[in-house]
């Protein structure tokens, strides 16, 4: 039984070391922290590593916190919808479309309806 625990611990230590080498390579910790505090911080970061952004998950890995926004498009229209459309430059439109496509690819927003 103790060999299994030792093997699991060894595998976890290897994963933790890879995490520190790959993900925390540019991290700067306060030099006034004790070794135990640094170790505890690294353990905390490793435990919740899926919550942070990485190369594979640029916005972090938290899923399930969806927000549903109901738009009021019935009469009487809200004051913001009564104004005429603000004209954008072609460059601004291109930039906005690019940003929206990035958000769609990252899974932050999704296309709804038939627009």
N, C-alpha and C. Protein backbone atom coordinates (compact mmCIF):
# COMPACT_ATOMS: atom_id res chain seq x y z
N UNK A 1 0.83 -1.20 0.00
CA UNK A 1 0.00 0.00 0.00
C UNK A 1 0.86 1.25 0.00
N UNK A 2 1.90 1.28 0.78
CA UNK A 2 2.72 2.49 0.84
C UNK A 2 3.45 2.73 -0.48
N UNK A 3 3.75 1.65 -1.25
CA UNK A 3 4.40 1.84 -2.54
C UNK A 3 3.48 2.57 -3.50
N UNK A 4 2.19 2.26 -3.48
CA UNK A 4 1.24 2.93 -4.36
C UNK A 4 1.17 4.42 -4.02
N UNK A 5 1.13 4.75 -2.76
CA UNK A 5 1.10 6.15 -2.35
C UNK A 5 2.38 6.85 -2.80
N UNK A 6 3.51 6.19 -2.66
CA UNK A 6 4.78 6.77 -3.05
C UNK A 6 4.82 7.00 -4.56
N UNK A 7 4.30 6.07 -5.34
CA UNK A 7 4.29 6.21 -6.79
C UNK A 7 3.38 7.37 -7.20
N UNK A 8 2.21 7.45 -6.61
CA UNK A 8 1.29 8.54 -6.92
C UNK A 8 1.94 9.87 -6.56
N UNK A 9 2.56 9.92 -5.39
CA UNK A 9 3.22 11.15 -4.96
C UNK A 9 4.33 11.53 -5.94
N UNK A 10 5.07 10.53 -6.41
CA UNK A 10 6.15 10.79 -7.36
C UNK A 10 5.61 11.34 -8.67
N UNK A 11 4.50 10.77 -9.15
CA UNK A 11 3.88 11.25 -10.39
C UNK A 11 3.37 12.68 -10.20
N UNK A 12 2.72 12.94 -9.06
CA UNK A 12 2.23 14.28 -8.79
C UNK A 12 3.37 15.28 -8.70
N UNK A 13 4.47 14.88 -8.06
CA UNK A 13 5.63 15.77 -7.97
C UNK A 13 6.20 16.07 -9.34
N UNK A 14 6.23 15.07 -10.22
CA UNK A 14 6.72 15.28 -11.58
C UNK A 14 5.83 16.27 -12.32
N UNK A 15 4.51 16.10 -12.21
CA UNK A 15 3.57 17.02 -12.86
C UNK A 15 3.71 18.43 -12.28
N UNK A 16 3.90 18.50 -10.98
CA UNK A 16 4.06 19.81 -10.32
C UNK A 16 5.33 20.49 -10.81
N UNK A 17 6.42 19.75 -10.92
CA UNK A 17 7.68 20.32 -11.41
C UNK A 17 7.54 20.78 -12.86
N UNK A 18 6.83 20.02 -13.69
CA UNK A 18 6.59 20.43 -15.08
C UNK A 18 5.75 21.71 -15.12
N UNK A 19 4.76 21.78 -14.24
CA UNK A 19 3.92 22.98 -14.16
C UNK A 19 4.76 24.20 -13.80
N UNK A 20 5.62 24.06 -12.82
CA UNK A 20 6.48 25.18 -12.40
C UNK A 20 7.41 25.57 -13.53
N UNK A 21 8.00 24.58 -14.21
CA UNK A 21 8.96 24.87 -15.29
C UNK A 21 8.28 25.50 -16.50
N UNK A 22 7.07 25.07 -16.83
CA UNK A 22 6.40 25.55 -18.04
C UNK A 22 5.53 26.78 -17.81
N UNK A 23 4.75 26.76 -16.74
CA UNK A 23 3.76 27.82 -16.55
C UNK A 23 4.25 28.97 -15.67
N UNK A 24 5.13 28.68 -14.74
CA UNK A 24 5.56 29.72 -13.80
C UNK A 24 6.96 30.24 -14.10
N UNK A 25 7.45 29.97 -15.30
CA UNK A 25 8.81 30.34 -15.64
C UNK A 25 9.01 31.86 -15.57
N UNK A 26 8.00 32.64 -15.91
CA UNK A 26 8.12 34.09 -15.89
C UNK A 26 7.53 34.71 -14.62
N UNK A 27 7.01 33.89 -13.73
CA UNK A 27 6.40 34.41 -12.50
C UNK A 27 7.48 34.96 -11.57
N UNK A 28 7.16 36.06 -10.93
CA UNK A 28 8.09 36.65 -9.97
C UNK A 28 7.39 36.70 -8.62
N UNK A 29 7.95 35.99 -7.65
CA UNK A 29 7.37 35.98 -6.32
C UNK A 29 8.13 36.98 -5.46
N UNK A 30 7.44 37.52 -4.50
CA UNK A 30 8.04 38.48 -3.59
C UNK A 30 9.24 37.84 -2.89
N UNK A 31 10.40 38.46 -2.96
CA UNK A 31 11.59 37.86 -2.35
C UNK A 31 11.52 37.78 -0.83
N UNK A 32 10.60 38.52 -0.21
CA UNK A 32 10.51 38.46 1.24
C UNK A 32 9.71 37.25 1.73
N UNK A 33 9.12 36.48 0.82
CA UNK A 33 8.38 35.28 1.22
C UNK A 33 9.35 34.20 1.70
N UNK A 34 8.93 33.48 2.72
CA UNK A 34 9.74 32.35 3.19
C UNK A 34 9.61 31.19 2.20
N UNK A 35 10.48 30.22 2.31
CA UNK A 35 10.43 29.06 1.42
C UNK A 35 9.10 28.33 1.57
N UNK A 36 8.62 28.22 2.82
CA UNK A 36 7.34 27.55 3.04
C UNK A 36 6.20 28.31 2.35
N UNK A 37 6.23 29.63 2.45
CA UNK A 37 5.18 30.44 1.80
C UNK A 37 5.24 30.29 0.28
N UNK A 38 6.43 30.28 -0.28
CA UNK A 38 6.57 30.08 -1.72
C UNK A 38 6.04 28.71 -2.12
N UNK A 39 6.40 27.70 -1.34
CA UNK A 39 5.95 26.33 -1.62
C UNK A 39 4.42 26.26 -1.54
N UNK A 40 3.85 26.90 -0.51
CA UNK A 40 2.38 26.90 -0.36
C UNK A 40 1.71 27.62 -1.54
N UNK A 41 2.30 28.73 -1.96
CA UNK A 41 1.74 29.47 -3.11
C UNK A 41 1.78 28.63 -4.38
N UNK A 42 2.89 27.96 -4.61
CA UNK A 42 3.02 27.11 -5.80
C UNK A 42 2.04 25.95 -5.73
N UNK A 43 1.87 25.37 -4.54
CA UNK A 43 0.88 24.29 -4.38
C UNK A 43 -0.53 24.79 -4.71
N UNK A 44 -0.85 25.99 -4.24
CA UNK A 44 -2.17 26.56 -4.50
C UNK A 44 -2.36 26.81 -6.00
N UNK A 45 -1.36 27.38 -6.65
CA UNK A 45 -1.43 27.62 -8.09
C UNK A 45 -1.56 26.30 -8.86
N UNK A 46 -0.82 25.28 -8.42
CA UNK A 46 -0.88 23.98 -9.09
C UNK A 46 -2.25 23.33 -8.90
N UNK A 47 -2.78 23.42 -7.68
CA UNK A 47 -4.08 22.82 -7.40
C UNK A 47 -5.18 23.42 -8.27
N UNK A 48 -5.13 24.73 -8.47
CA UNK A 48 -6.17 25.42 -9.24
C UNK A 48 -5.66 25.89 -10.59
N UNK A 49 -4.74 25.15 -11.17
CA UNK A 49 -4.12 25.56 -12.44
C UNK A 49 -5.12 25.67 -13.59
N UNK A 50 -6.21 24.94 -13.53
CA UNK A 50 -7.20 25.00 -14.61
C UNK A 50 -8.02 26.29 -14.59
N UNK A 51 -7.94 27.03 -13.50
CA UNK A 51 -8.69 28.29 -13.41
C UNK A 51 -7.96 29.45 -14.06
N UNK A 52 -6.68 29.25 -14.39
CA UNK A 52 -5.88 30.33 -14.94
C UNK A 52 -5.68 30.17 -16.43
N UNK A 53 -5.39 31.27 -17.07
CA UNK A 53 -5.14 31.25 -18.51
C UNK A 53 -3.83 30.53 -18.81
N UNK A 54 -3.79 29.88 -19.96
CA UNK A 54 -2.57 29.22 -20.43
C UNK A 54 -2.53 29.33 -21.94
N UNK A 55 -1.54 28.72 -22.54
CA UNK A 55 -1.46 28.75 -24.00
C UNK A 55 -2.65 28.04 -24.64
N UNK A 56 -3.09 26.95 -24.01
CA UNK A 56 -4.21 26.17 -24.56
C UNK A 56 -5.57 26.79 -24.22
N UNK A 57 -5.66 27.40 -23.06
CA UNK A 57 -6.89 28.03 -22.59
C UNK A 57 -6.60 29.50 -22.28
N UNK A 58 -6.62 30.37 -23.28
CA UNK A 58 -6.22 31.76 -23.04
C UNK A 58 -7.08 32.51 -22.02
N UNK A 59 -8.27 32.06 -21.76
CA UNK A 59 -9.13 32.75 -20.80
C UNK A 59 -9.34 31.95 -19.53
N UNK A 60 -8.57 30.90 -19.31
CA UNK A 60 -8.76 30.06 -18.14
C UNK A 60 -9.74 28.95 -18.43
N UNK A 61 -9.83 28.01 -17.55
CA UNK A 61 -10.63 26.83 -17.82
C UNK A 61 -11.94 26.74 -17.07
N UNK A 62 -12.41 27.82 -16.50
CA UNK A 62 -13.65 27.77 -15.76
C UNK A 62 -14.81 27.68 -16.74
N UNK A 63 -15.63 26.67 -16.58
CA UNK A 63 -16.79 26.48 -17.45
C UNK A 63 -18.05 26.46 -16.58
N UNK A 64 -19.15 26.77 -17.19
CA UNK A 64 -20.42 26.65 -16.48
C UNK A 64 -20.96 27.94 -15.89
N UNK A 65 -20.23 29.03 -15.98
CA UNK A 65 -20.72 30.31 -15.48
C UNK A 65 -21.28 31.12 -16.63
N UNK A 66 -22.33 30.60 -17.23
CA UNK A 66 -22.91 31.27 -18.38
C UNK A 66 -23.84 32.39 -17.91
N UNK A 67 -23.87 33.44 -18.67
CA UNK A 67 -24.73 34.58 -18.38
C UNK A 67 -25.73 34.71 -19.52
N UNK A 68 -26.98 34.78 -19.17
CA UNK A 68 -28.02 34.96 -20.18
C UNK A 68 -28.51 36.40 -20.11
N UNK A 69 -28.46 37.08 -21.23
CA UNK A 69 -28.87 38.48 -21.29
C UNK A 69 -30.14 38.56 -22.12
N UNK A 70 -31.19 39.06 -21.53
CA UNK A 70 -32.45 39.24 -22.23
C UNK A 70 -32.53 40.68 -22.69
N UNK A 71 -32.66 40.86 -23.98
CA UNK A 71 -32.77 42.20 -24.54
C UNK A 71 -34.23 42.59 -24.66
N UNK A 72 -34.53 43.80 -24.28
CA UNK A 72 -35.88 44.32 -24.40
C UNK A 72 -36.01 45.00 -25.75
N UNK A 73 -36.68 44.33 -26.68
CA UNK A 73 -36.84 44.93 -28.01
C UNK A 73 -38.31 45.20 -28.32
N UNK A 74 -39.14 45.14 -27.29
CA UNK A 74 -40.56 45.43 -27.48
C UNK A 74 -40.80 46.93 -27.31
N UNK A 75 -41.87 47.42 -27.91
CA UNK A 75 -42.22 48.84 -27.76
C UNK A 75 -42.73 49.08 -26.35
N UNK A 76 -42.52 50.17 -25.73
CA UNK A 76 -41.69 51.30 -26.18
C UNK A 76 -40.21 50.93 -26.07
N UNK A 77 -39.47 51.34 -27.06
CA UNK A 77 -38.06 51.01 -27.09
C UNK A 77 -37.30 51.75 -26.00
N UNK A 78 -36.28 51.10 -25.43
CA UNK A 78 -35.42 51.80 -24.47
C UNK A 78 -34.74 52.99 -25.15
N UNK A 79 -34.39 54.04 -24.40
CA UNK A 79 -33.79 55.23 -25.00
C UNK A 79 -32.55 54.94 -25.84
N UNK A 80 -31.74 53.97 -25.45
CA UNK A 80 -30.52 53.68 -26.20
C UNK A 80 -30.84 53.15 -27.60
N UNK A 81 -31.99 52.48 -27.77
CA UNK A 81 -32.35 51.95 -29.08
C UNK A 81 -33.07 52.97 -29.95
N UNK A 82 -33.46 54.09 -29.38
CA UNK A 82 -34.17 55.11 -30.15
C UNK A 82 -33.22 55.97 -30.97
N UNK A 83 -31.96 55.95 -30.63
CA UNK A 83 -30.98 56.77 -31.35
C UNK A 83 -30.65 56.16 -32.70
N UNK A 84 -30.28 57.00 -33.66
CA UNK A 84 -29.84 56.44 -34.95
C UNK A 84 -28.50 55.72 -34.78
N UNK A 85 -28.25 54.80 -35.65
CA UNK A 85 -27.01 54.02 -35.59
C UNK A 85 -25.81 54.95 -35.74
N UNK A 86 -24.79 54.69 -34.94
CA UNK A 86 -23.56 55.48 -35.00
C UNK A 86 -22.69 54.92 -36.12
N UNK A 87 -22.28 55.74 -37.06
CA UNK A 87 -21.48 55.21 -38.18
C UNK A 87 -20.05 54.90 -37.74
N UNK A 88 -19.58 53.72 -38.07
CA UNK A 88 -18.20 53.31 -37.81
C UNK A 88 -17.40 53.40 -39.10
N UNK A 89 -16.12 53.63 -38.94
CA UNK A 89 -15.25 53.61 -40.12
C UNK A 89 -15.06 52.16 -40.56
N UNK A 90 -14.73 51.92 -41.82
CA UNK A 90 -14.49 50.55 -42.27
C UNK A 90 -13.38 49.86 -41.47
N UNK A 91 -12.37 50.63 -41.06
CA UNK A 91 -11.29 50.06 -40.26
C UNK A 91 -11.79 49.61 -38.89
N UNK A 92 -12.66 50.42 -38.28
CA UNK A 92 -13.22 50.07 -36.97
C UNK A 92 -14.12 48.84 -37.08
N UNK A 93 -14.90 48.76 -38.15
CA UNK A 93 -15.77 47.60 -38.36
C UNK A 93 -14.94 46.33 -38.51
N UNK A 94 -13.87 46.42 -39.28
CA UNK A 94 -12.99 45.26 -39.48
C UNK A 94 -12.37 44.81 -38.16
N UNK A 95 -11.93 45.77 -37.36
CA UNK A 95 -11.33 45.45 -36.07
C UNK A 95 -12.35 44.82 -35.13
N UNK A 96 -13.55 45.36 -35.12
CA UNK A 96 -14.62 44.83 -34.27
C UNK A 96 -15.00 43.42 -34.68
N UNK A 97 -15.13 43.17 -35.97
CA UNK A 97 -15.46 41.82 -36.46
C UNK A 97 -14.37 40.83 -36.09
N UNK A 98 -13.12 41.24 -36.18
CA UNK A 98 -11.99 40.37 -35.81
C UNK A 98 -12.07 40.02 -34.32
N UNK A 99 -12.34 41.02 -33.49
CA UNK A 99 -12.43 40.78 -32.05
C UNK A 99 -13.60 39.86 -31.71
N UNK A 100 -14.72 40.05 -32.36
CA UNK A 100 -15.89 39.19 -32.13
C UNK A 100 -15.57 37.76 -32.54
N UNK A 101 -14.89 37.56 -33.66
CA UNK A 101 -14.50 36.21 -34.09
C UNK A 101 -13.57 35.55 -33.07
N UNK A 102 -12.64 36.32 -32.49
CA UNK A 102 -11.76 35.79 -31.45
C UNK A 102 -12.57 35.32 -30.26
N UNK A 103 -13.53 36.13 -29.82
CA UNK A 103 -14.36 35.75 -28.68
C UNK A 103 -15.20 34.52 -28.98
N UNK A 104 -15.67 34.38 -30.20
CA UNK A 104 -16.43 33.18 -30.59
C UNK A 104 -15.52 31.96 -30.56
N UNK A 105 -14.31 32.07 -31.10
CA UNK A 105 -13.36 30.95 -31.12
C UNK A 105 -12.94 30.54 -29.72
N UNK A 106 -12.83 31.50 -28.80
CA UNK A 106 -12.45 31.20 -27.42
C UNK A 106 -13.61 30.65 -26.61
N UNK A 107 -14.81 30.70 -27.16
CA UNK A 107 -15.97 30.17 -26.45
C UNK A 107 -16.57 31.14 -25.45
N UNK A 108 -16.17 32.40 -25.49
CA UNK A 108 -16.71 33.39 -24.57
C UNK A 108 -18.12 33.76 -24.97
N UNK A 109 -18.33 33.93 -26.26
CA UNK A 109 -19.67 34.22 -26.77
C UNK A 109 -19.99 33.21 -27.86
N UNK A 110 -21.26 33.10 -28.18
CA UNK A 110 -21.64 32.23 -29.28
C UNK A 110 -22.75 32.90 -30.06
N UNK A 111 -22.83 32.54 -31.31
CA UNK A 111 -23.84 33.12 -32.18
C UNK A 111 -25.19 32.52 -31.83
N UNK A 112 -26.18 33.36 -31.69
CA UNK A 112 -27.52 32.92 -31.34
C UNK A 112 -28.48 33.49 -32.37
N UNK A 113 -29.41 32.68 -32.79
CA UNK A 113 -30.40 33.15 -33.75
C UNK A 113 -29.90 33.03 -35.18
N UNK A 114 -30.54 33.76 -36.07
CA UNK A 114 -30.25 33.63 -37.49
C UNK A 114 -29.62 34.88 -38.08
N UNK A 115 -29.03 35.72 -37.29
CA UNK A 115 -28.40 36.94 -37.81
C UNK A 115 -27.09 36.62 -38.46
